C-alpha atoms as a PDB file:
ATOM      1  CA  MET A   1      -0.005   0.005  -0.005  1.00  0.00           C
ATOM      2  CA  CYS A   2       1.235   3.502  -0.783  1.00  0.00           C
ATOM      3  CA  VAL A   3       1.278   6.305   1.722  1.00  0.00           C
ATOM      4  CA  ILE A   4      -1.808   7.895   0.123  1.00  0.00           C
ATOM      5  CA  HIS A   5      -3.887   7.208  -2.944  1.00  0.00           C
ATOM      6  CA  ARG A   6      -5.290  10.635  -3.781  1.00  0.00           C
ATOM      7  CA  LYS A   7      -3.846  13.987  -4.572  1.00  0.00           C
ATOM      8  CA  ILE A   8      -4.122  16.533  -1.810  1.00  0.00           C
ATOM      9  CA  GLY A   9      -5.837  19.743  -2.795  1.00  0.00           C
ATOM     10  CA  ARG A  10      -9.447  20.807  -2.912  1.00  0.00           C
ATOM     11  CA  THR A  11     -10.786  17.513  -1.700  1.00  0.00           C
ATOM     12  CA  SER A  12     -14.420  16.426  -1.762  1.00  0.00           C
ATOM     13  CA  THR A  13     -15.998  15.277   1.473  1.00  0.00           C
ATOM     14  CA  ALA A  14     -16.056  11.635   0.278  1.00  0.00           C
ATOM     15  CA  SER A  15     -12.412  11.805  -0.751  1.00  0.00           C
ATOM     16  CA  LEU A  16     -11.515  13.415   2.541  1.00  0.00           C
ATOM     17  CA  VAL A  17     -13.085  10.614   4.561  1.00  0.00           C
ATOM     18  CA  THR A  18     -11.119   8.098   2.496  1.00  0.00           C
ATOM     19  CA  ALA A  19      -7.916  10.072   3.081  1.00  0.00           C
ATOM     20  CA  LEU A  20      -8.544  10.189   6.809  1.00  0.00           C
ATOM     21  CA  MET A  21      -9.000   6.437   6.918  1.00  0.00           C
ATOM     22  CA  LEU A  22      -5.736   5.943   5.023  1.00  0.00           C
ATOM     23  CA  PHE A  23      -3.693   8.364   7.081  1.00  0.00           C
ATOM     24  CA  CYS A  24      -5.021   7.158  10.443  1.00  0.00           C
ATOM     25  CA  VAL A  25      -3.410  10.106  12.148  1.00  0.00           C
ATOM     26  CA  LEU A  26      -5.993  12.751  12.923  1.00  0.00           C
ATOM     27  CA  PHE A  27      -6.824  11.091  16.234  1.00  0.00           C
ATOM     28  CA  SER A  28      -3.284  10.138  17.155  1.00  0.00           C
ATOM     29  CA  GLY A  29      -2.581  10.906  20.771  1.00  0.00           C
ATOM     30  CA  CYS A  30      -6.079  12.057  21.505  1.00  0.00           C
ATOM     31  CA  ALA A  31      -7.378   8.894  23.095  1.00  0.00           C
ATOM     32  CA  SER A  32      -4.473   8.245  25.379  1.00  0.00           C
ATOM     33  CA  HIS A  33      -5.323   7.853  29.042  1.00  0.00           C
ATOM     34  CA  ARG A  34      -2.058   9.490  30.097  1.00  0.00           C
ATOM     35  CA  GLY A  35      -2.461  13.031  31.344  1.00  0.00           C
ATOM     36  CA  ASN A  36      -6.146  13.210  30.406  1.00  0.00           C
ATOM     37  CA  LEU A  37      -7.492  14.565  33.677  1.00  0.00           C
ATOM     38  CA  GLN A  38      -8.379  18.200  33.218  1.00  0.00           C
ATOM     39  CA  PRO A  39      -6.642  20.571  35.702  1.00  0.00           C
ATOM     40  CA  GLY A  40      -9.934  21.478  37.351  1.00  0.00           C
ATOM     41  CA  ILE A  41     -10.773  17.793  37.882  1.00  0.00           C
ATOM     42  CA  ARG A  42      -7.607  16.938  39.793  1.00  0.00           C
ATOM     43  CA  SER A  43      -7.876  16.737  43.560  1.00  0.00           C
ATOM     44  CA  ALA A  44      -6.167  19.208  45.849  1.00  0.00           C
ATOM     45  CA  ALA A  45      -4.447  17.021  48.403  1.00  0.00           C
ATOM     46  CA  PRO A  46      -3.323  18.217  51.821  1.00  0.00           C
ATOM     47  CA  GLU A  47       0.384  17.976  52.620  1.00  0.00           C
ATOM     48  CA  ASP A  48       0.068  14.977  54.959  1.00  0.00           C
ATOM     49  CA  ALA A  49      -1.759  13.023  52.261  1.00  0.00           C
ATOM     50  CA  MET A  50       1.015  13.843  49.810  1.00  0.00           C
ATOM     51  CA  HIS A  51       3.605  12.367  52.172  1.00  0.00           C
ATOM     52  CA  ARG A  52       1.623   9.162  52.601  1.00  0.00           C
ATOM     53  CA  TYR A  53       0.997   9.034  48.856  1.00  0.00           C
ATOM     54  CA  ALA A  54       4.724   9.109  48.151  1.00  0.00           C
ATOM     55  CA  ARG A  55       5.136   6.043  50.366  1.00  0.00           C
ATOM     56  CA  MET A  56       2.145   4.310  48.814  1.00  0.00           C
ATOM     57  CA  LYS A  57       3.502   4.637  45.289  1.00  0.00           C
ATOM     58  CA  SER A  58       6.501   2.541  46.298  1.00  0.00           C
ATOM     59  CA  ALA A  59       4.236  -0.380  47.267  1.00  0.00           C
ATOM     60  CA  ASP A  60       4.488  -3.300  44.843  1.00  0.00           C
ATOM     61  CA  SER A  61       0.894  -4.454  45.001  1.00  0.00           C
ATOM     62  CA  ASP A  62      -2.627  -3.750  46.280  1.00  0.00           C
ATOM     63  CA  GLU A  63      -1.990  -6.417  48.907  1.00  0.00           C
ATOM     64  CA  ILE A  64       0.886  -4.435  50.374  1.00  0.00           C
ATOM     65  CA  LEU A  65      -1.174  -1.265  50.166  1.00  0.00           C
ATOM     66  CA  SER A  66      -4.063  -2.780  52.090  1.00  0.00           C
ATOM     67  CA  ARG A  67      -1.740  -4.297  54.701  1.00  0.00           C
ATOM     68  CA  GLU A  68       0.473  -1.290  55.322  1.00  0.00           C
ATOM     69  CA  PHE A  69      -2.152   1.409  54.751  1.00  0.00           C
ATOM     70  CA  PRO A  70      -5.429  -0.212  55.864  1.00  0.00           C
ATOM     71  CA  GLU A  71      -7.287   3.061  56.432  1.00  0.00           C
ATOM     72  CA  MET A  72      -6.512   5.187  53.406  1.00  0.00           C
ATOM     73  CA  SER A  73      -8.481   8.370  53.109  1.00  0.00           C
ATOM     74  CA  ALA A  74     -10.692   9.221  50.133  1.00  0.00           C
ATOM     75  CA  ILE A  75      -8.138  11.715  48.880  1.00  0.00           C
ATOM     76  CA  GLU A  76      -5.413   9.066  49.014  1.00  0.00           C
ATOM     77  CA  HIS A  77      -7.507   6.583  47.081  1.00  0.00           C
ATOM     78  CA  GLU A  78      -8.247   9.267  44.525  1.00  0.00           C
ATOM     79  CA  MET A  79      -4.564  10.168  44.128  1.00  0.00           C
ATOM     80  CA  LEU A  80      -3.669   6.534  43.645  1.00  0.00           C
ATOM     81  CA  GLY A  81      -6.470   6.263  41.099  1.00  0.00           C
ATOM     82  CA  ASP A  82      -4.963   9.189  39.202  1.00  0.00           C
ATOM     83  CA  ALA A  83      -1.554   7.539  39.311  1.00  0.00           C
ATOM     84  CA  MET A  84      -2.999   4.230  38.054  1.00  0.00           C
ATOM     85  CA  MET A  85      -4.834   6.072  35.256  1.00  0.00           C
ATOM     86  CA  GLY A  86      -1.563   7.687  34.138  1.00  0.00           C
ATOM     87  CA  GLN A  87       0.105   4.276  34.033  1.00  0.00           C
ATOM     88  CA  GLY A  88      -2.712   2.685  32.060  1.00  0.00           C
ATOM     89  CA  ASN A  89      -3.826   0.405  34.910  1.00  0.00           C
ATOM     90  CA  LEU A  90      -7.465   1.189  34.377  1.00  0.00           C
ATOM     91  CA  GLN A  91      -8.968  -1.534  36.542  1.00  0.00           C
ATOM     92  CA  ALA A  92      -6.924  -0.408  39.546  1.00  0.00           C
ATOM     93  CA  ALA A  93      -7.786   3.234  38.811  1.00  0.00           C
ATOM     94  CA  HIS A  94     -11.520   2.427  38.796  1.00  0.00           C
ATOM     95  CA  SER A  95     -11.155   0.453  42.001  1.00  0.00           C
ATOM     96  CA  HIS A  96      -9.473   3.280  43.869  1.00  0.00           C
ATOM     97  CA  TYR A  97     -12.049   5.807  42.633  1.00  0.00           C
ATOM     98  CA  ASP A  98     -14.778   3.487  43.835  1.00  0.00           C
ATOM     99  CA  LYS A  99     -13.165   3.240  47.277  1.00  0.00           C
ATOM    100  CA  ALA A 100     -12.818   7.000  47.368  1.00  0.00           C
ATOM    101  CA  LEU A 101     -16.526   7.371  46.543  1.00  0.00           C
ATOM    102  CA  HIS A 102     -17.469   5.331  49.600  1.00  0.00           C
ATOM    103  CA  ASN A 103     -15.645   7.782  51.865  1.00  0.00           C
ATOM    104  CA  GLU A 104     -16.061  11.087  50.015  1.00  0.00           C
ATOM    105  CA  PRO A 105     -18.921  13.438  50.967  1.00  0.00           C
ATOM    106  CA  GLY A 106     -20.409  16.346  49.077  1.00  0.00           C
ATOM    107  CA  ASP A 107     -19.531  17.832  45.731  1.00  0.00           C
ATOM    108  CA  SER A 108     -16.325  15.853  45.265  1.00  0.00           C
ATOM    109  CA  ARG A 109     -18.380  12.767  44.395  1.00  0.00           C
ATOM    110  CA  SER A 110     -19.107  14.232  40.943  1.00  0.00           C
ATOM    111  CA  ARG A 111     -15.394  14.512  40.276  1.00  0.00           C
ATOM    112  CA  LEU A 112     -14.886  10.872  41.224  1.00  0.00           C
ATOM    113  CA  VAL A 113     -17.761   9.646  39.052  1.00  0.00           C
ATOM    114  CA  TYR A 114     -16.249  11.569  36.137  1.00  0.00           C
ATOM    115  CA  LYS A 115     -12.907   9.860  36.691  1.00  0.00           C
ATOM    116  CA  GLN A 116     -14.606   6.489  36.833  1.00  0.00           C
ATOM    117  CA  GLY A 117     -16.211   7.298  33.510  1.00  0.00           C
ATOM    118  CA  LEU A 118     -12.796   8.055  32.018  1.00  0.00           C
ATOM    119  CA  ALA A 119     -11.340   4.816  33.299  1.00  0.00           C
ATOM    120  CA  LEU A 120     -14.260   2.831  31.883  1.00  0.00           C
ATOM    121  CA  MET A 121     -14.037   4.644  28.554  1.00  0.00           C
ATOM    122  CA  HIS A 122     -10.330   3.890  28.125  1.00  0.00           C
ATOM    123  CA  ALA A 123     -11.016   0.289  29.076  1.00  0.00           C
ATOM    124  CA  GLY A 124     -13.390   0.046  26.126  1.00  0.00           C
ATOM    125  CA  GLN A 125     -16.559  -0.082  28.241  1.00  0.00           C
ATOM    126  CA  GLY A 126     -18.371   2.696  26.393  1.00  0.00           C
ATOM    127  CA  LYS A 127     -21.869   2.017  27.726  1.00  0.00           C
ATOM    128  CA  ALA A 128     -20.743   1.987  31.335  1.00  0.00           C
ATOM    129  CA  ALA A 129     -18.719   5.138  30.772  1.00  0.00           C
ATOM    130  CA  ALA A 130     -21.675   6.857  29.116  1.00  0.00           C
ATOM    131  CA  ALA A 131     -23.817   5.935  32.151  1.00  0.00           C
ATOM    132  CA  CYS A 132     -21.360   7.794  34.418  1.00  0.00           C
ATOM    133  CA  PHE A 133     -21.340  10.920  32.249  1.00  0.00           C
ATOM    134  CA  GLU A 134     -25.116  10.866  31.746  1.00  0.00           C
ATOM    135  CA  LYS A 135     -25.596  10.633  35.505  1.00  0.00           C
ATOM    136  CA  LEU A 136     -23.420  13.697  35.976  1.00  0.00           C
ATOM    137  CA  LEU A 137     -25.195  15.680  33.255  1.00  0.00           C
ATOM    138  CA  ALA A 138     -28.616  14.748  34.657  1.00  0.00           C
ATOM    139  CA  ALA A 139     -27.548  16.321  37.953  1.00  0.00           C
ATOM    140  CA  ASP A 140     -25.725  19.284  36.356  1.00  0.00           C
ATOM    141  CA  SER A 141     -26.112  20.018  32.627  1.00  0.00           C
ATOM    142  CA  GLY A 142     -23.329  22.603  32.981  1.00  0.00           C
ATOM    143  CA  PHE A 143     -20.650  20.053  33.889  1.00  0.00           C
ATOM    144  CA  ALA A 144     -18.313  20.838  30.989  1.00  0.00           C
ATOM    145  CA  ALA A 145     -15.913  17.892  31.460  1.00  0.00           C
ATOM    146  CA  ALA A 146     -18.860  15.467  31.480  1.00  0.00           C
ATOM    147  CA  HIS A 147     -19.920  16.829  28.085  1.00  0.00           C
ATOM    148  CA  GLU A 148     -16.371  16.230  26.889  1.00  0.00           C
ATOM    149  CA  GLY A 149     -16.528  12.679  28.266  1.00  0.00           C
ATOM    150  CA  MET A 150     -19.802  12.024  26.449  1.00  0.00           C
ATOM    151  CA  GLY A 151     -18.286  13.424  23.273  1.00  0.00           C
ATOM    152  CA  ARG A 152     -15.384  11.011  23.505  1.00  0.00           C
ATOM    153  CA  VAL A 153     -17.678   8.039  24.097  1.00  0.00           C
ATOM    154  CA  CYS A 154     -19.691   9.127  21.044  1.00  0.00           C
ATOM    155  CA  MET A 155     -16.490   9.261  19.023  1.00  0.00           C
ATOM    156  CA  LEU A 156     -15.771   5.665  19.972  1.00  0.00           C
ATOM    157  CA  ASP A 157     -19.281   4.710  18.867  1.00  0.00           C
ATOM    158  CA  LYS A 158     -18.868   6.633  15.570  1.00  0.00           C
ATOM    159  CA  ALA A 159     -21.787   8.879  16.559  1.00  0.00           C
ATOM    160  CA  LEU A 160     -19.972  11.912  15.177  1.00  0.00           C
ATOM    161  CA  HIS A 161     -22.853  14.405  15.092  1.00  0.00           C
ATOM    162  CA  ALA A 162     -23.649  13.767  18.748  1.00  0.00           C
ATOM    163  CA  ALA A 163     -19.960  13.948  19.612  1.00  0.00           C
ATOM    164  CA  LYS A 164     -19.639  17.345  17.920  1.00  0.00           C
ATOM    165  CA  ASN A 165     -22.624  18.705  19.853  1.00  0.00           C
ATOM    166  CA  HIS A 166     -21.120  17.604  23.163  1.00  0.00           C
ATOM    167  CA  PHE A 167     -17.710  19.091  22.351  1.00  0.00           C
ATOM    168  CA  ILE A 168     -19.302  22.382  21.279  1.00  0.00           C
ATOM    169  CA  LYS A 169     -21.240  22.483  24.553  1.00  0.00           C
ATOM    170  CA  ALA A 170     -18.083  21.601  26.525  1.00  0.00           C
ATOM    171  CA  VAL A 171     -16.025  24.473  25.134  1.00  0.00           C
ATOM    172  CA  SER A 172     -18.924  26.906  25.466  1.00  0.00           C
ATOM    173  CA  LEU A 173     -18.917  26.109  29.179  1.00  0.00           C
ATOM    174  CA  ASP A 174     -15.138  25.905  29.611  1.00  0.00           C
ATOM    175  CA  ALA A 175     -12.856  27.250  26.876  1.00  0.00           C
ATOM    176  CA  GLY A 176      -9.914  25.644  28.687  1.00  0.00           C
ATOM    177  CA  LEU A 177     -10.914  22.094  27.624  1.00  0.00           C
ATOM    178  CA  TRP A 178      -8.241  21.805  24.966  1.00  0.00           C
ATOM    179  CA  GLN A 179      -9.064  18.183  24.138  1.00  0.00           C
ATOM    180  CA  SER A 180     -12.588  19.168  23.168  1.00  0.00           C
ATOM    181  CA  HIS A 181     -11.205  21.860  20.845  1.00  0.00           C
ATOM    182  CA  ASN A 182      -8.831  19.285  19.385  1.00  0.00           C
ATOM    183  CA  TYR A 183     -11.594  16.765  18.763  1.00  0.00           C
ATOM    184  CA  LEU A 184     -13.725  19.452  17.207  1.00  0.00           C
ATOM    185  CA  GLY A 185     -10.877  20.182  14.804  1.00  0.00           C
ATOM    186  CA  THR A 186     -10.778  16.568  13.672  1.00  0.00           C
ATOM    187  CA  LEU A 187     -14.532  16.510  13.144  1.00  0.00           C
ATOM    188  CA  TYR A 188     -14.481  19.704  11.114  1.00  0.00           C
ATOM    189  CA  ASP A 189     -11.639  18.234   9.031  1.00  0.00           C
ATOM    190  CA  ARG A 190     -13.837  15.235   8.236  1.00  0.00           C
ATOM    191  CA  GLU A 191     -16.447  17.659   6.905  1.00  0.00           C
ATOM    192  CA  GLY A 192     -13.902  19.650   4.892  1.00  0.00           C
ATOM    193  CA  GLN A 193     -14.532  22.752   7.001  1.00  0.00           C
ATOM    194  CA  TRP A 194     -10.911  23.845   6.994  1.00  0.00           C
ATOM    195  CA  GLY A 195     -11.454  27.264   8.553  1.00  0.00           C
ATOM    196  CA  ARG A 196     -13.396  25.922  11.493  1.00  0.00           C
ATOM    197  CA  ALA A 197     -10.901  23.105  11.960  1.00  0.00           C
ATOM    198  CA  GLU A 198      -8.006  25.544  12.094  1.00  0.00           C
ATOM    199  CA  ALA A 199      -9.834  27.779  14.570  1.00  0.00           C
ATOM    200  CA  ALA A 200     -10.522  24.772  16.814  1.00  0.00           C
ATOM    201  CA  TYR A 201      -6.890  23.665  16.782  1.00  0.00           C
ATOM    202  CA  GLN A 202      -5.709  27.223  17.476  1.00  0.00           C
ATOM    203  CA  ALA A 203      -8.116  27.366  20.449  1.00  0.00           C
ATOM    204  CA  ALA A 204      -6.569  24.128  21.738  1.00  0.00           C
ATOM    205  CA  LEU A 205      -3.068  25.554  21.282  1.00  0.00           C
ATOM    206  CA  ALA A 206      -4.044  28.737  23.118  1.00  0.00           C
ATOM    207  CA  VAL A 207      -4.483  26.471  26.162  1.00  0.00           C
ATOM    208  CA  LYS A 208      -1.656  23.997  25.432  1.00  0.00           C
ATOM    209  CA  PRO A 209       0.817  25.811  23.111  1.00  0.00           C
ATOM    210  CA  ARG A 210       3.319  22.965  22.960  1.00  0.00           C
ATOM    211  CA  GLU A 211       0.892  20.065  22.606  1.00  0.00           C
ATOM    212  CA  GLY A 212       2.350  17.882  19.835  1.00  0.00           C
ATOM    213  CA  ALA A 213      -0.845  15.936  19.140  1.00  0.00           C
ATOM    214  CA  VAL A 214      -2.707  19.166  18.351  1.00  0.00           C
ATOM    215  CA  LEU A 215       0.162  20.465  16.190  1.00  0.00           C
ATOM    216  CA  ASN A 216       0.188  17.180  14.285  1.00  0.00           C
ATOM    217  CA  ASN A 217      -3.570  17.391  13.726  1.00  0.00           C
ATOM    218  CA  LEU A 218      -3.272  21.022  12.617  1.00  0.00           C
ATOM    219  CA  GLY A 219      -0.548  19.952  10.162  1.00  0.00           C
ATOM    220  CA  MET A 220      -2.824  17.237   8.798  1.00  0.00           C
ATOM    221  CA  SER A 221      -5.587  19.767   8.309  1.00  0.00           C
ATOM    222  CA  TYR A 222      -3.210  21.993   6.364  1.00  0.00           C
ATOM    223  CA  LEU A 223      -1.960  19.001   4.360  1.00  0.00           C
ATOM    224  CA  LEU A 224      -5.465  17.813   3.444  1.00  0.00           C
ATOM    225  CA  SER A 225      -6.474  21.307   2.392  1.00  0.00           C
ATOM    226  CA  GLY A 226      -3.383  21.831   0.253  1.00  0.00           C
ATOM    227  CA  ARG A 227      -1.609  24.370   2.484  1.00  0.00           C
ATOM    228  CA  LEU A 228       1.680  22.503   2.243  1.00  0.00           C
ATOM    229  CA  ASP A 229       4.143  25.062   3.678  1.00  0.00           C
ATOM    230  CA  LYS A 230       1.987  25.505   6.771  1.00  0.00           C
ATOM    231  CA  ALA A 231       1.629  21.704   7.101  1.00  0.00           C
ATOM    232  CA  ALA A 232       5.390  21.178   7.083  1.00  0.00           C
ATOM    233  CA  GLU A 233       5.834  23.985   9.607  1.00  0.00           C
ATOM    234  CA  ALA A 234       3.247  22.519  11.978  1.00  0.00           C
ATOM    235  CA  PHE A 235       4.758  18.992  11.808  1.00  0.00           C
ATOM    236  CA  GLN A 236       8.251  20.386  12.425  1.00  0.00           C
ATOM    237  CA  LYS A 237       7.008  22.347  15.429  1.00  0.00           C
ATOM    238  CA  ALA A 238       5.349  19.228  16.827  1.00  0.00           C
ATOM    239  CA  ILE A 239       8.662  17.374  16.501  1.00  0.00           C
ATOM    240  CA  ARG A 240      10.593  20.225  18.125  1.00  0.00           C
ATOM    241  CA  ASN A 241       8.155  20.032  21.045  1.00  0.00           C
ATOM    242  CA  GLY A 242       8.927  16.361  21.586  1.00  0.00           C
ATOM    243  CA  PHE A 243       6.115  14.733  19.576  1.00  0.00           C
ATOM    244  CA  THR A 244       8.392  12.331  17.711  1.00  0.00           C
ATOM    245  CA  GLY A 245       6.356   9.241  16.792  1.00  0.00           C
ATOM    246  CA  SER A 246       6.575   7.661  13.343  1.00  0.00           C
ATOM    247  CA  LYS A 247       3.272   9.172  12.229  1.00  0.00           C
ATOM    248  CA  VAL A 248       4.341  12.782  12.523  1.00  0.00           C
ATOM    249  CA  TYR A 249       7.555  12.049  10.603  1.00  0.00           C
ATOM    250  CA  ASN A 250       5.552  10.264   7.942  1.00  0.00           C
ATOM    251  CA  ASN A 251       3.186  13.242   7.746  1.00  0.00           C
ATOM    252  CA  LEU A 252       6.144  15.614   7.484  1.00  0.00           C
ATOM    253  CA  GLY A 253       7.580  13.477   4.673  1.00  0.00           C
ATOM    254  CA  MET A 254       4.327  13.726   2.739  1.00  0.00           C
ATOM    255  CA  ALA A 255       4.221  17.519   3.072  1.00  0.00           C
ATOM    256  CA  LEU A 256       7.860  17.905   2.047  1.00  0.00           C
ATOM    257  CA  ALA A 257       7.498  15.544  -0.916  1.00  0.00           C
ATOM    258  CA  ARG A 258       4.475  17.544  -2.113  1.00  0.00           C
ATOM    259  CA  LEU A 259       6.704  20.627  -1.968  1.00  0.00           C
ATOM    260  CA  ASP A 260       9.292  18.793  -4.149  1.00  0.00           C
ATOM    261  CA  ARG A 261      11.739  18.811  -1.247  1.00  0.00           C
ATOM    262  CA  PHE A 262      12.585  15.181  -1.872  1.00  0.00           C
ATOM    263  CA  GLU A 263      15.815  14.806   0.082  1.00  0.00           C
ATOM    264  CA  GLU A 264      14.231  16.232   3.216  1.00  0.00           C
ATOM    265  CA  ALA A 265      11.142  14.116   2.590  1.00  0.00           C
ATOM    266  CA  PHE A 266      13.284  10.995   2.310  1.00  0.00           C
ATOM    267  CA  GLN A 267      14.978  11.714   5.648  1.00  0.00           C
ATOM    268  CA  ALA A 268      11.588  12.209   7.323  1.00  0.00           C
ATOM    269  CA  PHE A 269      10.192   8.973   5.827  1.00  0.00           C
ATOM    270  CA  ARG A 270      13.370   7.172   6.828  1.00  0.00           C
ATOM    271  CA  THR A 271      13.013   8.306  10.429  1.00  0.00           C
ATOM    272  CA  ALA A 272       9.419   7.121  10.351  1.00  0.00           C
ATOM    273  CA  GLY A 273       9.985   3.624   9.017  1.00  0.00           C
ATOM    274  CA  GLY A 274      13.427   2.948   7.607  1.00  0.00           C
ATOM    275  CA  PRO A 275      14.993   3.445   4.163  1.00  0.00           C
ATOM    276  CA  ALA A 276      12.967   0.804   2.290  1.00  0.00           C
ATOM    277  CA  ARG A 277       9.694   2.312   3.335  1.00  0.00           C
ATOM    278  CA  ALA A 278      11.045   5.785   2.614  1.00  0.00           C
ATOM    279  CA  TYR A 279      11.885   4.860  -0.977  1.00  0.00           C
ATOM    280  CA  ASN A 280       8.473   3.204  -1.424  1.00  0.00           C
ATOM    281  CA  ASN A 281       6.671   6.283  -0.101  1.00  0.00           C
ATOM    282  CA  LEU A 282       8.634   8.576  -2.394  1.00  0.00           C
ATOM    283  CA  GLY A 283       7.868   6.250  -5.294  1.00  0.00           C
ATOM    284  CA  CYS A 284       4.143   6.511  -4.614  1.00  0.00           C
ATOM    285  CA  ILE A 285       4.285  10.290  -4.635  1.00  0.00           C
ATOM    286  CA  HIS A 286       6.396  10.362  -7.796  1.00  0.00           C
ATOM    287  CA  LEU A 287       3.929   8.052  -9.525  1.00  0.00           C
ATOM    288  CA  GLN A 288       0.894  10.076  -8.467  1.00  0.00           C
ATOM    289  CA  ASN A 289       2.558  13.146  -9.954  1.00  0.00           C
ATOM    290  CA  GLY A 290       3.369  11.442 -13.266  1.00  0.00           C
ATOM    291  CA  ARG A 291       7.123  10.977 -12.684  1.00  0.00           C
ATOM    292  CA  THR A 292       7.155   7.358 -13.733  1.00  0.00           C
ATOM    293  CA  ALA A 293      10.930   6.976 -14.119  1.00  0.00           C
ATOM    294  CA  GLU A 294      11.592   8.397 -10.690  1.00  0.00           C
ATOM    295  CA  ALA A 295       8.862   6.163  -9.235  1.00  0.00           C
ATOM    296  CA  ILE A 296      10.368   3.036 -10.776  1.00  0.00           C
ATOM    297  CA  GLU A 297      13.840   3.933  -9.473  1.00  0.00           C
ATOM    298  CA  SER A 298      12.459   4.514  -5.957  1.00  0.00           C
ATOM    299  CA  PHE A 299      10.540   1.204  -5.889  1.00  0.00           C
ATOM    300  CA  GLN A 300      13.613  -0.670  -7.135  1.00  0.00           C
ATOM    301  CA  LYS A 301      15.724   0.828  -4.367  1.00  0.00           C
ATOM    302  CA  ALA A 302      13.078  -0.157  -1.798  1.00  0.00           C
ATOM    303  CA  MET A 303      13.138  -3.755  -3.045  1.00  0.00           C
ATOM    304  CA  ALA A 304      16.911  -3.894  -3.106  1.00  0.00           C
ATOM    305  CA  LEU A 305      17.044  -2.806   0.512  1.00  0.00           C
ATOM    306  CA  ASP A 306      14.360  -5.197   1.784  1.00  0.00           C
ATOM    307  CA  PRO A 307      13.221  -7.706  -0.869  1.00  0.00           C
ATOM    308  CA  MET A 308      11.674 -10.168   1.611  1.00  0.00           C
ATOM    309  CA  PHE A 309       9.672  -7.740   3.735  1.00  0.00           C
ATOM    310  CA  TYR A 310       8.880  -5.085   1.213  1.00  0.00           C
ATOM    311  CA  ALA A 311       6.588  -6.965  -1.168  1.00  0.00           C
ATOM    312  CA  THR A 312       4.527  -3.770  -1.255  1.00  0.00           C
ATOM    313  CA  ALA A 313       7.239  -2.026  -3.235  1.00  0.00           C
ATOM    314  CA  GLY A 314       7.187  -4.852  -5.783  1.00  0.00           C
ATOM    315  CA  GLU A 315       3.474  -4.420  -6.328  1.00  0.00           C
ATOM    316  CA  ASN A 316       3.920  -0.675  -6.723  1.00  0.00           C
ATOM    317  CA  LEU A 317       6.739  -1.262  -9.191  1.00  0.00           C
ATOM    318  CA  LYS A 318       4.444  -3.400 -11.331  1.00  0.00           C
ATOM    319  CA  ARG A 319       1.877  -0.603 -11.353  1.00  0.00           C
ATOM    320  CA  ALA A 320       4.537   1.931 -12.299  1.00  0.00           C
ATOM    321  CA  MET A 321       5.751  -0.175 -15.203  1.00  0.00           C
ATOM    322  CA  ALA A 322       2.140  -0.597 -16.291  1.00  0.00           C
ATOM    323  CA  GLY A 323       1.746   3.137 -16.468  1.00  0.00           C
ATOM    324  CA  GLY A 324       0.474   3.808 -12.949  1.00  0.00           C
ATOM    325  CA  LYS A 325      -2.872   2.086 -13.325  1.00  0.00           C
ATOM    326  CA  ASN A 326      -4.927   1.255 -10.229  1.00  0.00           C
ATOM    327  CA  LEU A 327      -2.770   3.306  -7.886  1.00  0.00           C
END
C-alpha cells in the first residue's frame, strides 16, 4: 500500500473521509489515558496526604497497600487512582475511585464519578462510561468535562454528530478544555470545514501551546487542504516540542514531498519507518505526480534494501511499469 492514494488539494467530502482512513493520524494521541485529567478535575491534596501518597507509590501491589495502609483516606484513594490512570492500569484506577466514593462526601463525588467514567471509557466499556457521564449531566447540565466525556464516548461509537454537539457544549462552558477543541478540529476536518478546523486547533493551542498531538492534527488539516508550507511547519514544530512518533515524521515526509523537497522528505520517511519504506513512499508520490521513471527507481531501491519484507514495493513497481494504473 502506498502512503496515500489521492492527490491533496481541494478535496471532496467523500475523498476526505477516504484520506482520513488511510492516514489514520487525525486522532493520534487524543485517546491516550495518560495526562487526560483536566486541571480542574484533579484533587487538591493536603500535605500529609502527599507524604503518605509518596510512600504508597513505592508499594508493589494492592496487597501491600491494604496491609500497610489499611485506612486510606478518600483523597489518598483518589490520588492513587490518578496515578494508576496515568500508568494505564485502568482496573486499579476504577477500584481506587470506587473506594474514594465510599468515603467522600459532598460535591467531590461528581469529580470521582467523572474519573470512573474516564477509566471505563479507556477500558473500552463505552456504555458503562456513558452511564457515568449521563448521570453527571442529569444532575448538572453545565458540567463541561462530562460533556467532553460524552463526546469522547460518542467518538468511539462513531456517533460523530452527537460527539460534535457535546464538544461544542463543553467548550462553550469551559474554553480551557483543549481536548474538546482538538476533537472538534478533527470533526471539522472530516467535513472539509478547514477554517473551522484551524480555529478549533488554534483554540486548543491557546491552552496547550506545545501540545504535539494538536500540532500534528493542525498539520494534517493543512496537508489535506493543500496548504503545504503550513503543514510542514506545523509537523516540524510538533517534532521540536517532543512529539516524535513515526506518524508525525511520515506526515512531514508527505508535506515535504508535495513541496518537491525530496531529500528532506526521504529523511523524514526514513526516520518514520526505515529506508525501504522511505523509498516506497517517495515512489508513490512520484507516480501520483506522473514521474514514472523516478517512481520506478524509488521502488527498485526499496526492493533492493528489503526484498523479503517489502513486497509492497514490488506491487507498486508493477503498477509503475504498467503506467500507474490502479494506484
